[in-house]
Amino acid sequence: METMSMDICTKDYRSLIKDYVKDTSNSKILDVGCGIGDFTSLLKGLNNRVFGTDIVDVRQNENKKSFSFFLSPKDKISFSDNYFDFVTNFDVIEHVEDDTLFVNEIYRVTKPGGLVVTITPNKYRVTNLLRIVSRLKPLVYPMKLGEDVYGECIHMREYTFREIEGLFRKVGFSDVKVKPFWLGVRCKILENIRIKVSTLYPFGLLSQYIVVEAKK
């Protein structure tokens, strides 16, 4: 599910995705909630078999030959158990109604020993803290954030580092790591003042994104 314009943050985001597959080959990869397919197309690596799935087909024409696509009904991935070496979802989990069921389905289709990478907005990113200060009230969910290729863009929830790590552990992933990504402000004037991977505590807690790496 991709709605970001090609700003500096998006360019760094794309580089992060490429880093995950640069040393992979002949792997079966699934991108859940592939959206227009720009991010899914980056997963090719060295002869990887890349699949994308979504509840509707909104792929851009230039991405339709980059990966195999199949429709999945809501809350279900239309594929067999223990099939994929690597499963991704980028800016998706915050949109789904039942996040536990969503992660369970990802767990089900991932091979034992396989890797899952989830990237989702950090609840306490800089821009959200500015919202809190300017409005003098806490964040309220569902949060409406305009329009995207699916229609109205709504975040059902957003996560802290502890919350999303707990979700993946609850589902059954044995090795779960959460990392901050991209500390900065998505604004033309300030966007070049950023840190791609902000690891210094406590600054990482204000990162734009949380990256979850989970092994089955």
C-alpha atoms as a PDB file:
ATOM      1  CA  MET A   1       0.000   0.000   0.000  1.00  0.00           C
ATOM      2  CA  GLU A   2       1.938   2.984  -1.230  1.00  0.00           C
ATOM      3  CA  THR A   3       0.785   6.576  -1.263  1.00  0.00           C
ATOM      4  CA  MET A   4       4.004   8.526  -0.754  1.00  0.00           C
ATOM      5  CA  SER A   5       5.302  11.072  -3.249  1.00  0.00           C
ATOM      6  CA  MET A   6       8.946  10.925  -4.311  1.00  0.00           C
ATOM      7  CA  ASP A   7      10.388  13.159  -1.609  1.00  0.00           C
ATOM      8  CA  ILE A   8      13.712  12.559   0.163  1.00  0.00           C
ATOM      9  CA  CYS A   9      12.049  10.263   2.686  1.00  0.00           C
ATOM     10  CA  THR A  10      10.580   8.103  -0.081  1.00  0.00           C
ATOM     11  CA  LYS A  11      13.963   7.860  -1.812  1.00  0.00           C
ATOM     12  CA  ASP A  12      15.569   6.706   1.435  1.00  0.00           C
ATOM     13  CA  TYR A  13      12.676   4.282   1.980  1.00  0.00           C
ATOM     14  CA  ARG A  14      13.260   2.763  -1.463  1.00  0.00           C
ATOM     15  CA  SER A  15      16.967   2.381  -0.692  1.00  0.00           C
ATOM     16  CA  LEU A  16      16.113   0.548   2.518  1.00  0.00           C
ATOM     17  CA  ILE A  17      13.933  -1.936   0.623  1.00  0.00           C
ATOM     18  CA  LYS A  18      16.690  -2.551  -1.935  1.00  0.00           C
ATOM     19  CA  ASP A  19      19.158  -3.260   0.875  1.00  0.00           C
ATOM     20  CA  TYR A  20      17.007  -6.156   2.103  1.00  0.00           C
ATOM     21  CA  VAL A  21      17.183  -7.998  -1.237  1.00  0.00           C
ATOM     22  CA  LYS A  22      20.589  -7.017  -2.593  1.00  0.00           C
ATOM     23  CA  ASP A  23      22.165 -10.276  -1.375  1.00  0.00           C
ATOM     24  CA  THR A  24      19.167 -12.565  -1.977  1.00  0.00           C
ATOM     25  CA  SER A  25      18.746 -14.923  -4.913  1.00  0.00           C
ATOM     26  CA  ASN A  26      16.196 -17.510  -5.990  1.00  0.00           C
ATOM     27  CA  SER A  27      13.945 -16.636  -3.060  1.00  0.00           C
ATOM     28  CA  LYS A  28      10.168 -16.669  -3.057  1.00  0.00           C
ATOM     29  CA  ILE A  29       9.057 -13.237  -1.879  1.00  0.00           C
ATOM     30  CA  LEU A  30       5.564 -11.955  -1.106  1.00  0.00           C
ATOM     31  CA  ASP A  31       4.595  -8.305  -0.685  1.00  0.00           C
ATOM     32  CA  VAL A  32       1.271  -8.022   1.154  1.00  0.00           C
ATOM     33  CA  GLY A  33      -0.773  -4.943   0.289  1.00  0.00           C
ATOM     34  CA  CYS A  34       1.333  -4.231  -2.785  1.00  0.00           C
ATOM     35  CA  GLY A  35      -0.750  -1.252  -3.923  1.00  0.00           C
ATOM     36  CA  ILE A  36       0.525   0.417  -7.091  1.00  0.00           C
ATOM     37  CA  GLY A  37       3.537  -1.913  -7.055  1.00  0.00           C
ATOM     38  CA  ASP A  38       6.435   0.543  -6.960  1.00  0.00           C
ATOM     39  CA  PHE A  39       7.925  -0.966  -3.803  1.00  0.00           C
ATOM     40  CA  THR A  40       7.120  -4.547  -4.814  1.00  0.00           C
ATOM     41  CA  SER A  41       9.073  -4.077  -8.034  1.00  0.00           C
ATOM     42  CA  LEU A  42      12.216  -3.351  -5.975  1.00  0.00           C
ATOM     43  CA  LEU A  43      12.234  -6.894  -4.512  1.00  0.00           C
ATOM     44  CA  LYS A  44      13.457  -8.678  -7.623  1.00  0.00           C
ATOM     45  CA  GLY A  45      17.065  -9.038  -6.442  1.00  0.00           C
ATOM     46  CA  LEU A  46      18.922 -11.873  -8.183  1.00  0.00           C
ATOM     47  CA  ASN A  47      16.289 -14.085  -9.790  1.00  0.00           C
ATOM     48  CA  ASN A  48      13.862 -13.879  -6.898  1.00  0.00           C
ATOM     49  CA  ARG A  49      10.281 -14.961  -7.582  1.00  0.00           C
ATOM     50  CA  VAL A  50       8.268 -11.982  -6.447  1.00  0.00           C
ATOM     51  CA  PHE A  51       4.534 -12.037  -5.730  1.00  0.00           C
ATOM     52  CA  GLY A  52       2.246  -9.190  -4.745  1.00  0.00           C
ATOM     53  CA  THR A  53      -1.222  -9.425  -3.269  1.00  0.00           C
ATOM     54  CA  ASP A  54      -3.933  -6.950  -2.366  1.00  0.00           C
ATOM     55  CA  ILE A  55      -7.701  -6.761  -1.920  1.00  0.00           C
ATOM     56  CA  VAL A  56      -7.994  -4.775  -5.184  1.00  0.00           C
ATOM     57  CA  ASP A  57      -5.740  -4.430  -8.203  1.00  0.00           C
ATOM     58  CA  VAL A  58      -4.429  -0.855  -8.361  1.00  0.00           C
ATOM     59  CA  ARG A  59      -1.035  -1.627  -9.918  1.00  0.00           C
ATOM     60  CA  GLN A  60       0.410   0.921 -12.271  1.00  0.00           C
ATOM     61  CA  ASN A  61       0.942  -0.391 -15.804  1.00  0.00           C
ATOM     62  CA  GLU A  62       4.739  -0.129 -15.603  1.00  0.00           C
ATOM     63  CA  ASN A  63       4.766  -2.507 -12.610  1.00  0.00           C
ATOM     64  CA  LYS A  64       2.496  -5.240 -13.968  1.00  0.00           C
ATOM     65  CA  LYS A  65       5.355  -7.227 -15.527  1.00  0.00           C
ATOM     66  CA  SER A  66       7.646  -6.880 -12.509  1.00  0.00           C
ATOM     67  CA  PHE A  67       5.933  -9.448 -10.272  1.00  0.00           C
ATOM     68  CA  SER A  68       3.135 -12.001 -10.153  1.00  0.00           C
ATOM     69  CA  PHE A  69      -0.092 -10.646  -8.698  1.00  0.00           C
ATOM     70  CA  PHE A  70      -3.063 -12.315  -7.023  1.00  0.00           C
ATOM     71  CA  LEU A  71      -6.113 -10.968  -5.252  1.00  0.00           C
ATOM     72  CA  SER A  72      -6.726 -11.860  -1.617  1.00  0.00           C
ATOM     73  CA  PRO A  73     -10.007 -11.429   0.238  1.00  0.00           C
ATOM     74  CA  LYS A  74     -10.049  -9.235   3.311  1.00  0.00           C
ATOM     75  CA  ASP A  75      -8.147 -10.806   6.242  1.00  0.00           C
ATOM     76  CA  LYS A  76      -6.915 -13.765   4.186  1.00  0.00           C
ATOM     77  CA  ILE A  77      -3.839 -14.376   2.010  1.00  0.00           C
ATOM     78  CA  SER A  78      -4.774 -16.642  -0.886  1.00  0.00           C
ATOM     79  CA  PHE A  79      -1.714 -18.899  -0.685  1.00  0.00           C
ATOM     80  CA  SER A  80      -0.662 -22.119   0.992  1.00  0.00           C
ATOM     81  CA  ASP A  81       1.107 -22.461   4.342  1.00  0.00           C
ATOM     82  CA  ASN A  82       4.893 -22.202   4.761  1.00  0.00           C
ATOM     83  CA  TYR A  83       5.533 -21.116   1.168  1.00  0.00           C
ATOM     84  CA  PHE A  84       7.521 -17.862   1.153  1.00  0.00           C
ATOM     85  CA  ASP A  85      11.134 -17.255   2.170  1.00  0.00           C
ATOM     86  CA  PHE A  86      10.576 -13.554   2.678  1.00  0.00           C
ATOM     87  CA  VAL A  87       7.333 -11.615   3.295  1.00  0.00           C
ATOM     88  CA  THR A  88       7.049  -7.830   3.297  1.00  0.00           C
ATOM     89  CA  ASN A  89       4.413  -5.196   3.929  1.00  0.00           C
ATOM     90  CA  PHE A  90       5.064  -1.493   3.582  1.00  0.00           C
ATOM     91  CA  ASP A  91       2.672   1.059   5.131  1.00  0.00           C
ATOM     92  CA  VAL A  92      -0.122  -1.506   5.350  1.00  0.00           C
ATOM     93  CA  ILE A  93      -0.650  -2.811   8.877  1.00  0.00           C
ATOM     94  CA  GLU A  94      -1.830   0.557  10.207  1.00  0.00           C
ATOM     95  CA  HIS A  95      -4.773   0.412   7.739  1.00  0.00           C
ATOM     96  CA  VAL A  96      -6.162  -3.052   8.507  1.00  0.00           C
ATOM     97  CA  GLU A  97      -9.057  -3.547  10.922  1.00  0.00           C
ATOM     98  CA  ASP A  98      -7.752  -6.705  12.631  1.00  0.00           C
ATOM     99  CA  ASP A  99      -3.974  -6.443  12.942  1.00  0.00           C
ATOM    100  CA  THR A 100      -3.641  -9.713  14.883  1.00  0.00           C
ATOM    101  CA  LEU A 101      -5.352 -11.653  12.099  1.00  0.00           C
ATOM    102  CA  PHE A 102      -3.214  -9.818   9.532  1.00  0.00           C
ATOM    103  CA  VAL A 103       0.053 -10.825  11.227  1.00  0.00           C
ATOM    104  CA  ASN A 104      -1.256 -14.368  11.769  1.00  0.00           C
ATOM    105  CA  GLU A 105      -1.814 -14.737   8.019  1.00  0.00           C
ATOM    106  CA  ILE A 106       1.693 -13.472   7.305  1.00  0.00           C
ATOM    107  CA  TYR A 107       3.063 -15.967   9.832  1.00  0.00           C
ATOM    108  CA  ARG A 108       1.090 -18.787   8.207  1.00  0.00           C
ATOM    109  CA  VAL A 109       2.486 -18.281   4.676  1.00  0.00           C
ATOM    110  CA  THR A 110       6.088 -17.748   5.808  1.00  0.00           C
ATOM    111  CA  LYS A 111       8.438 -20.729   5.817  1.00  0.00           C
ATOM    112  CA  PRO A 112      10.024 -21.819   9.100  1.00  0.00           C
ATOM    113  CA  GLY A 113      13.208 -19.760   9.293  1.00  0.00           C
ATOM    114  CA  GLY A 114      11.782 -17.200   6.862  1.00  0.00           C
ATOM    115  CA  LEU A 115      12.020 -13.449   7.336  1.00  0.00           C
ATOM    116  CA  VAL A 116       9.194 -10.912   7.581  1.00  0.00           C
ATOM    117  CA  VAL A 117       9.832  -7.173   7.232  1.00  0.00           C
ATOM    118  CA  THR A 118       7.118  -4.704   8.186  1.00  0.00           C
ATOM    119  CA  ILE A 119       7.511  -0.936   7.882  1.00  0.00           C
ATOM    120  CA  THR A 120       4.887   1.257   9.521  1.00  0.00           C
ATOM    121  CA  PRO A 121       4.646   4.884  10.690  1.00  0.00           C
ATOM    122  CA  ASN A 122       5.844   5.516  14.223  1.00  0.00           C
ATOM    123  CA  LYS A 123       3.020   6.773  16.439  1.00  0.00           C
ATOM    124  CA  TYR A 124       5.326   9.308  18.088  1.00  0.00           C
ATOM    125  CA  ARG A 125       7.130  10.573  14.998  1.00  0.00           C
ATOM    126  CA  VAL A 126       8.039  14.244  14.890  1.00  0.00           C
ATOM    127  CA  THR A 127       5.054  15.264  12.755  1.00  0.00           C
ATOM    128  CA  ASN A 128       2.608  13.574  15.143  1.00  0.00           C
ATOM    129  CA  LEU A 129       4.167  15.320  18.127  1.00  0.00           C
ATOM    130  CA  LEU A 130       3.690  18.617  16.299  1.00  0.00           C
ATOM    131  CA  ARG A 131       0.016  17.684  15.798  1.00  0.00           C
ATOM    132  CA  ILE A 132      -0.358  17.035  19.513  1.00  0.00           C
ATOM    133  CA  VAL A 133       1.296  20.318  20.504  1.00  0.00           C
ATOM    134  CA  SER A 134      -0.552  22.457  17.946  1.00  0.00           C
ATOM    135  CA  ARG A 135      -3.978  21.009  18.780  1.00  0.00           C
ATOM    136  CA  LEU A 136      -3.389  20.542  22.514  1.00  0.00           C
ATOM    137  CA  LYS A 137      -5.062  17.146  22.453  1.00  0.00           C
ATOM    138  CA  PRO A 138      -3.999  13.503  22.048  1.00  0.00           C
ATOM    139  CA  LEU A 139      -4.003  11.625  18.772  1.00  0.00           C
ATOM    140  CA  VAL A 140      -7.372  10.138  17.858  1.00  0.00           C
ATOM    141  CA  TYR A 141      -7.879   6.969  15.797  1.00  0.00           C
ATOM    142  CA  PRO A 142      -9.136   6.142  13.268  1.00  0.00           C
ATOM    143  CA  MET A 143      -7.117   9.015  11.755  1.00  0.00           C
ATOM    144  CA  LYS A 144      -8.116  10.343   8.345  1.00  0.00           C
ATOM    145  CA  LEU A 145      -5.170  11.418   6.205  1.00  0.00           C
ATOM    146  CA  GLY A 146      -6.712  12.423   2.901  1.00  0.00           C
ATOM    147  CA  GLU A 147      -7.103  10.321  -0.249  1.00  0.00           C
ATOM    148  CA  ASP A 148      -5.032   7.575  -1.857  1.00  0.00           C
ATOM    149  CA  VAL A 149      -5.473   5.008  -4.655  1.00  0.00           C
ATOM    150  CA  TYR A 150      -7.939   3.048  -2.496  1.00  0.00           C
ATOM    151  CA  GLY A 151     -10.104   6.074  -1.694  1.00  0.00           C
ATOM    152  CA  GLU A 152     -10.051   7.612   1.774  1.00  0.00           C
ATOM    153  CA  CYS A 153      -6.728   7.017   3.562  1.00  0.00           C
ATOM    154  CA  ILE A 154      -7.391   6.004   7.163  1.00  0.00           C
ATOM    155  CA  HIS A 155      -4.969   4.811   9.835  1.00  0.00           C
ATOM    156  CA  MET A 156      -6.933   2.537  12.146  1.00  0.00           C
ATOM    157  CA  ARG A 157      -4.095   2.767  14.646  1.00  0.00           C
ATOM    158  CA  GLU A 158      -0.388   3.529  14.818  1.00  0.00           C
ATOM    159  CA  TYR A 159       2.215   1.832  16.969  1.00  0.00           C
ATOM    160  CA  THR A 160       4.939   2.472  19.462  1.00  0.00           C
ATOM    161  CA  PHE A 161       8.031   0.274  19.268  1.00  0.00           C
ATOM    162  CA  ARG A 162       6.877  -1.796  22.235  1.00  0.00           C
ATOM    163  CA  GLU A 163       3.339  -2.265  20.912  1.00  0.00           C
ATOM    164  CA  ILE A 164       4.281  -3.633  17.508  1.00  0.00           C
ATOM    165  CA  GLU A 165       7.030  -5.862  18.887  1.00  0.00           C
ATOM    166  CA  GLY A 166       4.485  -7.318  21.303  1.00  0.00           C
ATOM    167  CA  LEU A 167       2.032  -7.983  18.481  1.00  0.00           C
ATOM    168  CA  PHE A 168       4.541 -10.024  16.476  1.00  0.00           C
ATOM    169  CA  ARG A 169       5.688 -11.974  19.528  1.00  0.00           C
ATOM    170  CA  LYS A 170       2.083 -12.717  20.502  1.00  0.00           C
ATOM    171  CA  VAL A 171       1.418 -14.242  17.073  1.00  0.00           C
ATOM    172  CA  GLY A 172       4.393 -16.587  17.441  1.00  0.00           C
ATOM    173  CA  PHE A 173       7.466 -15.066  15.798  1.00  0.00           C
ATOM    174  CA  SER A 174      10.448 -16.200  17.839  1.00  0.00           C
ATOM    175  CA  ASP A 175      12.999 -13.555  16.838  1.00  0.00           C
ATOM    176  CA  VAL A 176      11.626 -10.008  16.607  1.00  0.00           C
ATOM    177  CA  LYS A 177      13.682  -6.840  16.220  1.00  0.00           C
ATOM    178  CA  VAL A 178      12.301  -3.319  15.928  1.00  0.00           C
ATOM    179  CA  LYS A 179      14.391  -0.503  14.479  1.00  0.00           C
ATOM    180  CA  PRO A 180      13.866   3.214  13.900  1.00  0.00           C
ATOM    181  CA  PHE A 181      14.109   4.580  10.376  1.00  0.00           C
ATOM    182  CA  TRP A 182      14.344   8.143   9.092  1.00  0.00           C
ATOM    183  CA  LEU A 183      14.524  10.883  11.680  1.00  0.00           C
ATOM    184  CA  GLY A 184      13.437  14.192  10.178  1.00  0.00           C
ATOM    185  CA  VAL A 185      10.514  16.276   8.949  1.00  0.00           C
ATOM    186  CA  ARG A 186       8.837  15.653   5.590  1.00  0.00           C
ATOM    187  CA  CYS A 187       8.917  19.244   4.417  1.00  0.00           C
ATOM    188  CA  LYS A 188      10.713  20.644   1.333  1.00  0.00           C
ATOM    189  CA  ILE A 189      12.639  23.211   3.347  1.00  0.00           C
ATOM    190  CA  LEU A 190      13.843  20.752   6.003  1.00  0.00           C
ATOM    191  CA  GLU A 191      13.834  17.342   4.306  1.00  0.00           C
ATOM    192  CA  ASN A 192      17.594  17.238   3.647  1.00  0.00           C
ATOM    193  CA  ILE A 193      18.237  17.563   7.373  1.00  0.00           C
ATOM    194  CA  ARG A 194      17.623  13.963   8.266  1.00  0.00           C
ATOM    195  CA  ILE A 195      19.193  10.768   9.586  1.00  0.00           C
ATOM    196  CA  LYS A 196      18.306   7.672   7.559  1.00  0.00           C
ATOM    197  CA  VAL A 197      18.663   5.182  10.384  1.00  0.00           C
ATOM    198  CA  SER A 198      18.384   6.827  13.768  1.00  0.00           C
ATOM    199  CA  THR A 199      19.752   4.374  16.299  1.00  0.00           C
ATOM    200  CA  LEU A 200      20.794   6.704  19.109  1.00  0.00           C
ATOM    201  CA  TYR A 201      18.469   6.402  22.092  1.00  0.00           C
ATOM    202  CA  PRO A 202      16.218   8.271  22.742  1.00  0.00           C
ATOM    203  CA  PHE A 203      16.213  10.061  19.364  1.00  0.00           C
ATOM    204  CA  GLY A 204      15.206   6.906  17.499  1.00  0.00           C
ATOM    205  CA  LEU A 205      11.888   6.938  19.365  1.00  0.00           C
ATOM    206  CA  LEU A 206      10.945   9.988  17.256  1.00  0.00           C
ATOM    207  CA  SER A 207      11.726   8.377  13.895  1.00  0.00           C
ATOM    208  CA  GLN A 208       9.273   8.584  11.014  1.00  0.00           C
ATOM    209  CA  TYR A 209       9.005   4.792  10.728  1.00  0.00           C
ATOM    210  CA  ILE A 210       9.346   1.618  12.714  1.00  0.00           C
ATOM    211  CA  VAL A 211      10.943  -1.320  10.903  1.00  0.00           C
ATOM    212  CA  VAL A 212      10.065  -4.779  12.220  1.00  0.00           C
ATOM    213  CA  GLU A 213      12.295  -7.745  11.328  1.00  0.00           C
ATOM    214  CA  ALA A 214      10.686 -10.995  12.451  1.00  0.00           C
ATOM    215  CA  LYS A 215      11.860 -14.563  11.885  1.00  0.00           C
ATOM    216  CA  LYS A 216       9.548 -17.562  12.075  1.00  0.00           C
END
